[in-house]
Amino acid sequence: MNKKVLIVGAGWLGLPLALQLQKSGYLVAVTKTSQESLEPLLASSLIGYVCKLTNDAPTQSTTPSALDRILLDFSPDIVIGSFPPGFRSGNGGAYEQQWKTLAQSVKRAKPSKLIMISSSTVYPSLPDIMTEDRATLALASNNAHFSDKARIMLKAEQHVIDSDLDYCVVRCSGLFGPNRHPARFVSKLKAVSRSAPANMLHLYDAIGATQFALEHVNREVVNATTPHSVDKAQFYQAAINDTDLDLAMPLIVDEANKTISADKLLGLGYQFNYPSVLDAFNS
């Protein structure tokens, strides 16, 4: 019998992840926040549900939430949360509560595993190599090097870690790929550094790393970032060169910053589709 996977959030990453897992033999269901956004997905033979995670604190109500009903109806073996924190839209404060709600509902449903798609936003902006143990909620609590966004993400992660379920937290670095070409970000950048690495991850490796975590990683936090990088100035110049857009590079500066380490994921056995960030432009 095929294992069942529920992906909460079928967006830019969640939808192609769902299709890849379906191709690999899993029975996959996805959620969207509205019926209108769900309709186009149903032609792909995915099972679809409408679910908008609440921003409210859980109550003692005996009335099941939409998520509880979905978990009861689909009865997944694995649940993957793949929804953005909403920092750009000013809704980041709700993210931790959404993960608290999700973790509590999933814990009641008792699947075999909970996977969180997190972000390298959790790390402090220091010119050091960032292994997974460099960002925890305990470390960030009274440390000025951690941003408010990092603390929100780490609080959300902690709900997964404390869920008593088998879990994996996948911390993706900057995502790019189809319909998200990095050249489109250039005009929004005030400056790029030639002394800071481009911590980036192609969509195909975000999908690959998540499936690898689903199948091979237990009770761990892992970074998902391209192992071999170049500096940000080189990366964005390569991105511009990969398009026909008439774009000028922003101001180039010499500001060092963090390097996200992929060593743990590599050590666990994951093989990257694009071992270097420039490989994606040459494929």
C-alpha atoms as a PDB file:
ATOM      1  CA  MET A   1       0.000   0.000   0.000  1.00  0.00           C
ATOM      2  CA  ASN A   2       1.367   3.405  -0.986  1.00  0.00           C
ATOM      3  CA  LYS A   3       2.305   5.754   1.822  1.00  0.00           C
ATOM      4  CA  LYS A   4       0.159   8.858   2.051  1.00  0.00           C
ATOM      5  CA  VAL A   5       1.669  12.346   2.231  1.00  0.00           C
ATOM      6  CA  LEU A   6      -0.220  15.531   3.071  1.00  0.00           C
ATOM      7  CA  ILE A   7       1.475  18.768   1.995  1.00  0.00           C
ATOM      8  CA  VAL A   8       0.107  21.830   3.766  1.00  0.00           C
ATOM      9  CA  GLY A   9       0.778  24.626   1.303  1.00  0.00           C
ATOM     10  CA  ALA A  10       0.889  23.774  -2.406  1.00  0.00           C
ATOM     11  CA  GLY A  11       2.759  26.850  -3.556  1.00  0.00           C
ATOM     12  CA  TRP A  12       5.924  27.411  -5.579  1.00  0.00           C
ATOM     13  CA  LEU A  13       7.734  24.610  -3.724  1.00  0.00           C
ATOM     14  CA  GLY A  14       4.843  22.577  -2.327  1.00  0.00           C
ATOM     15  CA  LEU A  15       3.130  21.844  -5.639  1.00  0.00           C
ATOM     16  CA  PRO A  16       6.146  20.519  -7.602  1.00  0.00           C
ATOM     17  CA  LEU A  17       7.163  18.599  -4.470  1.00  0.00           C
ATOM     18  CA  ALA A  18       3.714  16.995  -4.462  1.00  0.00           C
ATOM     19  CA  LEU A  19       4.017  16.052  -8.134  1.00  0.00           C
ATOM     20  CA  GLN A  20       7.487  14.556  -7.604  1.00  0.00           C
ATOM     21  CA  LEU A  21       6.306  12.497  -4.623  1.00  0.00           C
ATOM     22  CA  GLN A  22       3.309  11.335  -6.635  1.00  0.00           C
ATOM     23  CA  LYS A  23       5.679  10.294  -9.438  1.00  0.00           C
ATOM     24  CA  SER A  24       7.715   8.358  -6.854  1.00  0.00           C
ATOM     25  CA  GLY A  25       4.670   6.317  -5.858  1.00  0.00           C
ATOM     26  CA  TYR A  26       3.248   8.224  -2.903  1.00  0.00           C
ATOM     27  CA  LEU A  27      -0.444   9.036  -2.591  1.00  0.00           C
ATOM     28  CA  VAL A  28      -0.373  12.811  -2.184  1.00  0.00           C
ATOM     29  CA  ALA A  29      -2.885  15.356  -0.935  1.00  0.00           C
ATOM     30  CA  VAL A  30      -2.301  19.098  -0.855  1.00  0.00           C
ATOM     31  CA  THR A  31      -3.955  22.121   0.694  1.00  0.00           C
ATOM     32  CA  LYS A  32      -4.613  25.595  -0.645  1.00  0.00           C
ATOM     33  CA  THR A  33      -6.218  28.511   1.133  1.00  0.00           C
ATOM     34  CA  SER A  34      -9.168  28.855  -1.276  1.00  0.00           C
ATOM     35  CA  GLN A  35     -11.295  26.712  -3.573  1.00  0.00           C
ATOM     36  CA  GLU A  36     -10.407  28.986  -6.473  1.00  0.00           C
ATOM     37  CA  SER A  37      -6.671  28.356  -6.068  1.00  0.00           C
ATOM     38  CA  LEU A  38      -7.273  24.640  -5.552  1.00  0.00           C
ATOM     39  CA  GLU A  39      -9.218  24.000  -8.770  1.00  0.00           C
ATOM     40  CA  PRO A  40      -6.242  24.079 -11.215  1.00  0.00           C
ATOM     41  CA  LEU A  41      -4.422  21.419  -9.170  1.00  0.00           C
ATOM     42  CA  LEU A  42      -7.118  18.782  -9.351  1.00  0.00           C
ATOM     43  CA  ALA A  43      -6.366  17.951 -12.998  1.00  0.00           C
ATOM     44  CA  SER A  44      -3.011  16.527 -11.853  1.00  0.00           C
ATOM     45  CA  SER A  45      -4.731  13.701  -9.909  1.00  0.00           C
ATOM     46  CA  LEU A  46      -3.642  15.204  -6.607  1.00  0.00           C
ATOM     47  CA  ILE A  47      -6.145  15.100  -3.779  1.00  0.00           C
ATOM     48  CA  GLY A  48      -6.973  18.647  -2.756  1.00  0.00           C
ATOM     49  CA  TYR A  49      -8.355  20.337   0.328  1.00  0.00           C
ATOM     50  CA  VAL A  50      -9.081  23.922   1.283  1.00  0.00           C
ATOM     51  CA  CYS A  51      -7.374  24.839   4.535  1.00  0.00           C
ATOM     52  CA  LYS A  52      -6.402  28.186   6.002  1.00  0.00           C
ATOM     53  CA  LEU A  53      -4.349  27.787   9.145  1.00  0.00           C
ATOM     54  CA  THR A  54      -5.706  29.824  12.010  1.00  0.00           C
ATOM     55  CA  ASN A  55      -3.680  32.604  13.558  1.00  0.00           C
ATOM     56  CA  ASP A  56      -5.582  32.272  16.816  1.00  0.00           C
ATOM     57  CA  ALA A  57      -4.368  30.474  19.900  1.00  0.00           C
ATOM     58  CA  PRO A  58      -5.802  26.951  20.237  1.00  0.00           C
ATOM     59  CA  THR A  59      -8.867  26.601  22.443  1.00  0.00           C
ATOM     60  CA  GLN A  60     -10.416  23.710  24.325  1.00  0.00           C
ATOM     61  CA  SER A  61     -13.283  23.543  21.820  1.00  0.00           C
ATOM     62  CA  THR A  62     -14.375  20.032  20.870  1.00  0.00           C
ATOM     63  CA  THR A  63     -15.272  21.237  17.357  1.00  0.00           C
ATOM     64  CA  PRO A  64     -12.617  19.934  14.950  1.00  0.00           C
ATOM     65  CA  SER A  65     -10.818  22.497  12.808  1.00  0.00           C
ATOM     66  CA  ALA A  66     -10.589  22.281   9.018  1.00  0.00           C
ATOM     67  CA  LEU A  67      -7.113  20.824   9.428  1.00  0.00           C
ATOM     68  CA  ASP A  68      -8.330  18.234  11.929  1.00  0.00           C
ATOM     69  CA  ARG A  69     -11.037  17.162   9.485  1.00  0.00           C
ATOM     70  CA  ILE A  70      -8.518  16.871   6.653  1.00  0.00           C
ATOM     71  CA  LEU A  71      -6.186  14.758   8.778  1.00  0.00           C
ATOM     72  CA  LEU A  72      -9.086  12.513   9.771  1.00  0.00           C
ATOM     73  CA  ASP A  73     -10.329  12.178   6.193  1.00  0.00           C
ATOM     74  CA  PHE A  74      -6.975  11.576   4.478  1.00  0.00           C
ATOM     75  CA  SER A  75      -5.146   9.876   7.376  1.00  0.00           C
ATOM     76  CA  PRO A  76      -1.626  10.687   6.127  1.00  0.00           C
ATOM     77  CA  ASP A  77       1.506   8.776   7.041  1.00  0.00           C
ATOM     78  CA  ILE A  78       3.632  11.908   6.601  1.00  0.00           C
ATOM     79  CA  VAL A  79       2.724  15.598   6.877  1.00  0.00           C
ATOM     80  CA  ILE A  80       4.873  18.300   5.253  1.00  0.00           C
ATOM     81  CA  GLY A  81       4.387  21.972   6.088  1.00  0.00           C
ATOM     82  CA  SER A  82       5.478  24.083   3.121  1.00  0.00           C
ATOM     83  CA  PHE A  83       4.097  27.570   3.583  1.00  0.00           C
ATOM     84  CA  PRO A  84       6.001  30.874   3.796  1.00  0.00           C
ATOM     85  CA  PRO A  85       6.224  32.951   6.971  1.00  0.00           C
ATOM     86  CA  GLY A  86       4.740  35.978   5.247  1.00  0.00           C
ATOM     87  CA  PHE A  87       7.404  38.448   6.336  1.00  0.00           C
ATOM     88  CA  ARG A  88       7.138  40.446   3.099  1.00  0.00           C
ATOM     89  CA  SER A  89       3.386  40.894   3.521  1.00  0.00           C
ATOM     90  CA  GLY A  90       3.738  41.844   7.173  1.00  0.00           C
ATOM     91  CA  ASN A  91       2.110  38.663   8.483  1.00  0.00           C
ATOM     92  CA  GLY A  92       5.202  37.020   9.938  1.00  0.00           C
ATOM     93  CA  GLY A  93       3.931  37.292  13.488  1.00  0.00           C
ATOM     94  CA  ALA A  94       1.262  34.678  12.746  1.00  0.00           C
ATOM     95  CA  TYR A  95       3.750  32.068  11.504  1.00  0.00           C
ATOM     96  CA  GLU A  96       4.730  30.671  14.874  1.00  0.00           C
ATOM     97  CA  GLN A  97       1.076  30.292  15.873  1.00  0.00           C
ATOM     98  CA  GLN A  98       0.285  28.570  12.574  1.00  0.00           C
ATOM     99  CA  TRP A  99       2.997  26.008  13.249  1.00  0.00           C
ATOM    100  CA  LYS A 100       1.789  25.540  16.811  1.00  0.00           C
ATOM    101  CA  THR A 101      -1.696  24.830  15.475  1.00  0.00           C
ATOM    102  CA  LEU A 102      -0.336  22.496  12.803  1.00  0.00           C
ATOM    103  CA  ALA A 103       1.918  20.573  15.184  1.00  0.00           C
ATOM    104  CA  GLN A 104      -0.881  20.086  17.711  1.00  0.00           C
ATOM    105  CA  SER A 105      -3.346  18.866  15.081  1.00  0.00           C
ATOM    106  CA  VAL A 106      -0.779  16.536  13.532  1.00  0.00           C
ATOM    107  CA  LYS A 107       0.163  15.153  16.935  1.00  0.00           C
ATOM    108  CA  ARG A 108      -3.485  14.222  17.544  1.00  0.00           C
ATOM    109  CA  ALA A 109      -3.660  12.513  14.140  1.00  0.00           C
ATOM    110  CA  LYS A 110      -0.504  10.483  14.885  1.00  0.00           C
ATOM    111  CA  PRO A 111       1.169  10.177  11.479  1.00  0.00           C
ATOM    112  CA  SER A 112       4.611   8.626  11.378  1.00  0.00           C
ATOM    113  CA  LYS A 113       6.452  11.865  10.536  1.00  0.00           C
ATOM    114  CA  LEU A 114       6.207  15.666  10.409  1.00  0.00           C
ATOM    115  CA  ILE A 115       8.461  17.675   8.089  1.00  0.00           C
ATOM    116  CA  MET A 116       8.887  21.428   8.226  1.00  0.00           C
ATOM    117  CA  ILE A 117      10.233  23.473   5.331  1.00  0.00           C
ATOM    118  CA  SER A 118      12.090  26.186   7.221  1.00  0.00           C
ATOM    119  CA  SER A 119      14.662  28.775   6.191  1.00  0.00           C
ATOM    120  CA  SER A 120      18.260  29.794   6.744  1.00  0.00           C
ATOM    121  CA  THR A 121      16.759  33.068   8.013  1.00  0.00           C
ATOM    122  CA  VAL A 122      17.199  31.449  11.440  1.00  0.00           C
ATOM    123  CA  TYR A 123      20.952  32.132  11.430  1.00  0.00           C
ATOM    124  CA  PRO A 124      22.671  35.256  12.753  1.00  0.00           C
ATOM    125  CA  SER A 125      24.303  37.614  10.268  1.00  0.00           C
ATOM    126  CA  LEU A 126      27.882  36.847  11.236  1.00  0.00           C
ATOM    127  CA  PRO A 127      30.804  36.061   8.909  1.00  0.00           C
ATOM    128  CA  ASP A 128      30.983  32.451  10.107  1.00  0.00           C
ATOM    129  CA  ILE A 129      30.142  28.985   8.834  1.00  0.00           C
ATOM    130  CA  MET A 130      26.617  28.165   9.963  1.00  0.00           C
ATOM    131  CA  THR A 131      26.112  24.541  10.883  1.00  0.00           C
ATOM    132  CA  GLU A 132      22.738  23.467  12.218  1.00  0.00           C
ATOM    133  CA  ASP A 133      23.732  23.856  15.862  1.00  0.00           C
ATOM    134  CA  ARG A 134      24.461  27.576  15.356  1.00  0.00           C
ATOM    135  CA  ALA A 135      20.747  28.428  15.495  1.00  0.00           C
ATOM    136  CA  THR A 136      18.460  27.216  18.270  1.00  0.00           C
ATOM    137  CA  LEU A 137      15.695  28.941  20.180  1.00  0.00           C
ATOM    138  CA  ALA A 138      17.804  28.834  23.341  1.00  0.00           C
ATOM    139  CA  LEU A 139      20.757  30.522  21.607  1.00  0.00           C
ATOM    140  CA  ALA A 140      18.584  33.195  20.017  1.00  0.00           C
ATOM    141  CA  SER A 141      16.577  34.181  23.090  1.00  0.00           C
ATOM    142  CA  ASN A 142      18.951  36.864  24.394  1.00  0.00           C
ATOM    143  CA  ASN A 143      21.366  37.273  21.511  1.00  0.00           C
ATOM    144  CA  ALA A 144      21.335  40.527  19.556  1.00  0.00           C
ATOM    145  CA  HIS A 145      22.903  38.844  16.518  1.00  0.00           C
ATOM    146  CA  PHE A 146      19.622  37.024  15.847  1.00  0.00           C
ATOM    147  CA  SER A 147      16.881  38.986  14.099  1.00  0.00           C
ATOM    148  CA  ASP A 148      13.232  39.063  15.139  1.00  0.00           C
ATOM    149  CA  LYS A 149      12.489  37.029  12.010  1.00  0.00           C
ATOM    150  CA  ALA A 150      15.011  34.401  13.119  1.00  0.00           C
ATOM    151  CA  ARG A 151      13.326  34.115  16.512  1.00  0.00           C
ATOM    152  CA  ILE A 152       9.900  33.686  14.918  1.00  0.00           C
ATOM    153  CA  MET A 153      11.250  30.907  12.691  1.00  0.00           C
ATOM    154  CA  LEU A 154      13.013  29.207  15.594  1.00  0.00           C
ATOM    155  CA  LYS A 155       9.881  29.314  17.751  1.00  0.00           C
ATOM    156  CA  ALA A 156       7.989  27.684  14.889  1.00  0.00           C
ATOM    157  CA  GLU A 157      10.685  25.027  14.515  1.00  0.00           C
ATOM    158  CA  GLN A 158      10.527  24.299  18.226  1.00  0.00           C
ATOM    159  CA  HIS A 159       6.865  23.296  17.957  1.00  0.00           C
ATOM    160  CA  VAL A 160       7.932  20.609  15.486  1.00  0.00           C
ATOM    161  CA  ILE A 161      10.895  19.469  17.573  1.00  0.00           C
ATOM    162  CA  ASP A 162       8.722  19.245  20.700  1.00  0.00           C
ATOM    163  CA  SER A 163       5.860  17.426  18.957  1.00  0.00           C
ATOM    164  CA  ASP A 164       6.951  13.939  20.133  1.00  0.00           C
ATOM    165  CA  LEU A 165       6.710  12.854  16.488  1.00  0.00           C
ATOM    166  CA  ASP A 166       9.477  11.715  14.196  1.00  0.00           C
ATOM    167  CA  TYR A 167      10.403  14.918  12.388  1.00  0.00           C
ATOM    168  CA  CYS A 168      12.819  16.709  10.119  1.00  0.00           C
ATOM    169  CA  VAL A 169      13.283  20.458   9.843  1.00  0.00           C
ATOM    170  CA  VAL A 170      14.717  21.381   6.435  1.00  0.00           C
ATOM    171  CA  ARG A 171      16.316  24.844   6.480  1.00  0.00           C
ATOM    172  CA  CYS A 172      16.377  25.993   2.866  1.00  0.00           C
ATOM    173  CA  SER A 173      18.647  28.821   1.811  1.00  0.00           C
ATOM    174  CA  GLY A 174      17.573  31.351  -0.846  1.00  0.00           C
ATOM    175  CA  LEU A 175      15.304  29.591  -3.327  1.00  0.00           C
ATOM    176  CA  PHE A 176      15.434  30.041  -7.081  1.00  0.00           C
ATOM    177  CA  GLY A 177      14.389  28.140 -10.178  1.00  0.00           C
ATOM    178  CA  PRO A 178      11.498  28.062 -12.665  1.00  0.00           C
ATOM    179  CA  ASN A 179       9.350  31.211 -12.410  1.00  0.00           C
ATOM    180  CA  ARG A 180      11.743  32.519  -9.774  1.00  0.00           C
ATOM    181  CA  HIS A 181      14.844  33.545 -11.663  1.00  0.00           C
ATOM    182  CA  PRO A 182      17.354  35.328  -9.410  1.00  0.00           C
ATOM    183  CA  ALA A 183      17.873  38.074 -11.991  1.00  0.00           C
ATOM    184  CA  ARG A 184      14.434  39.382 -11.109  1.00  0.00           C
ATOM    185  CA  PHE A 185      15.717  40.278  -7.636  1.00  0.00           C
ATOM    186  CA  VAL A 186      18.583  42.436  -8.922  1.00  0.00           C
ATOM    187  CA  SER A 187      16.566  45.626  -9.366  1.00  0.00           C
ATOM    188  CA  LYS A 188      15.405  45.369  -5.733  1.00  0.00           C
ATOM    189  CA  LEU A 189      18.910  45.052  -4.299  1.00  0.00           C
ATOM    190  CA  LYS A 190      20.610  48.202  -3.047  1.00  0.00           C
ATOM    191  CA  ALA A 191      24.018  46.498  -2.935  1.00  0.00           C
ATOM    192  CA  VAL A 192      25.638  43.083  -3.322  1.00  0.00           C
ATOM    193  CA  SER A 193      28.821  41.910  -1.676  1.00  0.00           C
ATOM    194  CA  ARG A 194      31.841  40.315  -3.279  1.00  0.00           C
ATOM    195  CA  SER A 195      32.908  39.149   0.185  1.00  0.00           C
ATOM    196  CA  ALA A 196      29.751  37.236   1.127  1.00  0.00           C
ATOM    197  CA  PRO A 197      28.659  33.902  -0.346  1.00  0.00           C
ATOM    198  CA  ALA A 198      25.426  33.463  -2.266  1.00  0.00           C
ATOM    199  CA  ASN A 199      23.638  30.946  -0.065  1.00  0.00           C
ATOM    200  CA  MET A 200      21.153  29.654  -2.629  1.00  0.00           C
ATOM    201  CA  LEU A 201      19.185  26.500  -3.425  1.00  0.00           C
ATOM    202  CA  HIS A 202      17.580  25.499  -6.711  1.00  0.00           C
ATOM    203  CA  LEU A 203      13.975  24.301  -6.635  1.00  0.00           C
ATOM    204  CA  TYR A 204      14.986  20.823  -7.806  1.00  0.00           C
ATOM    205  CA  ASP A 205      17.306  20.422  -4.822  1.00  0.00           C
ATOM    206  CA  ALA A 206      14.702  21.823  -2.441  1.00  0.00           C
ATOM    207  CA  ILE A 207      12.417  19.054  -3.706  1.00  0.00           C
ATOM    208  CA  GLY A 208      15.193  16.462  -3.652  1.00  0.00           C
ATOM    209  CA  ALA A 209      16.374  17.350  -0.155  1.00  0.00           C
ATOM    210  CA  THR A 210      12.827  17.243   1.204  1.00  0.00           C
ATOM    211  CA  GLN A 211      12.131  13.829  -0.317  1.00  0.00           C
ATOM    212  CA  PHE A 212      15.484  12.614   1.010  1.00  0.00           C
ATOM    213  CA  ALA A 213      14.556  13.883   4.474  1.00  0.00           C
ATOM    214  CA  LEU A 214      11.190  12.163   4.236  1.00  0.00           C
ATOM    215  CA  GLU A 215      12.810   8.839   3.421  1.00  0.00           C
ATOM    216  CA  HIS A 216      16.137   8.927   5.265  1.00  0.00           C
ATOM    217  CA  VAL A 217      16.374  11.600   7.985  1.00  0.00           C
ATOM    218  CA  ASN A 218      14.872  11.158  11.431  1.00  0.00           C
ATOM    219  CA  ARG A 219      14.623  13.648  14.291  1.00  0.00           C
ATOM    220  CA  GLU A 220      17.108  16.052  12.754  1.00  0.00           C
ATOM    221  CA  VAL A 221      17.449  19.649  11.628  1.00  0.00           C
ATOM    222  CA  VAL A 222      19.300  19.927   8.314  1.00  0.00           C
ATOM    223  CA  ASN A 223      20.473  22.769   6.100  1.00  0.00           C
ATOM    224  CA  ALA A 224      19.517  22.510   2.446  1.00  0.00           C
ATOM    225  CA  THR A 225      21.885  24.782   0.560  1.00  0.00           C
ATOM    226  CA  THR A 226      24.046  24.361  -2.525  1.00  0.00           C
ATOM    227  CA  PRO A 227      27.440  23.047  -1.310  1.00  0.00           C
ATOM    228  CA  HIS A 228      29.682  25.079  -3.622  1.00  0.00           C
ATOM    229  CA  SER A 229      28.903  28.761  -3.909  1.00  0.00           C
ATOM    230  CA  VAL A 230      30.378  31.948  -5.284  1.00  0.00           C
ATOM    231  CA  ASP A 231      30.143  35.437  -3.880  1.00  0.00           C
ATOM    232  CA  LYS A 232      26.900  37.348  -4.264  1.00  0.00           C
ATOM    233  CA  ALA A 233      28.309  39.727  -6.874  1.00  0.00           C
ATOM    234  CA  GLN A 234      29.385  36.798  -9.069  1.00  0.00           C
ATOM    235  CA  PHE A 235      26.081  35.020  -8.586  1.00  0.00           C
ATOM    236  CA  TYR A 236      23.882  37.943  -9.555  1.00  0.00           C
ATOM    237  CA  GLN A 237      26.100  38.841 -12.508  1.00  0.00           C
ATOM    238  CA  ALA A 238      25.752  35.232 -13.702  1.00  0.00           C
ATOM    239  CA  ALA A 239      22.001  35.498 -13.209  1.00  0.00           C
ATOM    240  CA  ILE A 240      21.850  38.642 -15.345  1.00  0.00           C
ATOM    241  CA  ASN A 241      23.988  36.990 -18.021  1.00  0.00           C
ATOM    242  CA  ASP A 242      21.538  34.066 -18.065  1.00  0.00           C
ATOM    243  CA  THR A 243      18.701  36.324 -19.226  1.00  0.00           C
ATOM    244  CA  ASP A 244      17.994  38.773 -22.020  1.00  0.00           C
ATOM    245  CA  LEU A 245      17.073  41.471 -19.531  1.00  0.00           C
ATOM    246  CA  ASP A 246      18.836  44.818 -19.643  1.00  0.00           C
ATOM    247  CA  LEU A 247      19.793  45.010 -15.985  1.00  0.00           C
ATOM    248  CA  ALA A 248      22.586  46.845 -14.234  1.00  0.00           C
ATOM    249  CA  MET A 249      24.334  45.430 -11.213  1.00  0.00           C
ATOM    250  CA  PRO A 250      23.695  47.257  -7.946  1.00  0.00           C
ATOM    251  CA  LEU A 251      26.489  48.772  -5.888  1.00  0.00           C
ATOM    252  CA  ILE A 252      29.180  46.180  -5.127  1.00  0.00           C
ATOM    253  CA  VAL A 253      30.479  46.253  -1.555  1.00  0.00           C
ATOM    254  CA  ASP A 254      32.919  44.286   0.610  1.00  0.00           C
ATOM    255  CA  GLU A 255      30.773  43.088   3.499  1.00  0.00           C
ATOM    256  CA  ALA A 256      31.380  39.579   4.804  1.00  0.00           C
ATOM    257  CA  ASN A 257      28.428  37.475   5.916  1.00  0.00           C
ATOM    258  CA  LYS A 258      27.411  33.960   6.901  1.00  0.00           C
ATOM    259  CA  THR A 259      28.114  30.775   4.971  1.00  0.00           C
ATOM    260  CA  ILE A 260      25.399  28.137   5.290  1.00  0.00           C
ATOM    261  CA  SER A 261      26.945  24.666   5.548  1.00  0.00           C
ATOM    262  CA  ALA A 262      25.551  21.686   3.625  1.00  0.00           C
ATOM    263  CA  ASP A 263      27.971  19.237   5.261  1.00  0.00           C
ATOM    264  CA  LYS A 264      25.378  17.506   7.429  1.00  0.00           C
ATOM    265  CA  LEU A 265      22.994  16.791   4.552  1.00  0.00           C
ATOM    266  CA  LEU A 266      25.887  15.595   2.390  1.00  0.00           C
ATOM    267  CA  GLY A 267      27.107  13.374   5.220  1.00  0.00           C
ATOM    268  CA  LEU A 268      23.672  11.794   5.475  1.00  0.00           C
ATOM    269  CA  GLY A 269      23.949  10.830   1.809  1.00  0.00           C
ATOM    270  CA  TYR A 270      22.035  13.404  -0.222  1.00  0.00           C
ATOM    271  CA  GLN A 271      23.429  14.004  -3.721  1.00  0.00           C
ATOM    272  CA  PHE A 272      22.711  17.444  -5.128  1.00  0.00           C
ATOM    273  CA  ASN A 273      21.338  17.940  -8.628  1.00  0.00           C
ATOM    274  CA  TYR A 274      23.349  21.165  -8.747  1.00  0.00           C
ATOM    275  CA  PRO A 275      26.482  20.904  -6.554  1.00  0.00           C
ATOM    276  CA  SER A 276      27.451  24.477  -7.513  1.00  0.00           C
ATOM    277  CA  VAL A 277      25.152  27.493  -7.652  1.00  0.00           C
ATOM    278  CA  LEU A 278      26.401  28.283 -11.158  1.00  0.00           C
ATOM    279  CA  ASP A 279      25.517  24.790 -12.414  1.00  0.00           C
ATOM    280  CA  ALA A 280      21.849  25.754 -12.561  1.00  0.00           C
ATOM    281  CA  PHE A 281      22.623  28.473 -15.104  1.00  0.00           C
ATOM    282  CA  ASN A 282      24.612  26.075 -17.282  1.00  0.00           C
ATOM    283  CA  SER A 283      22.028  23.267 -17.405  1.00  0.00           C
END
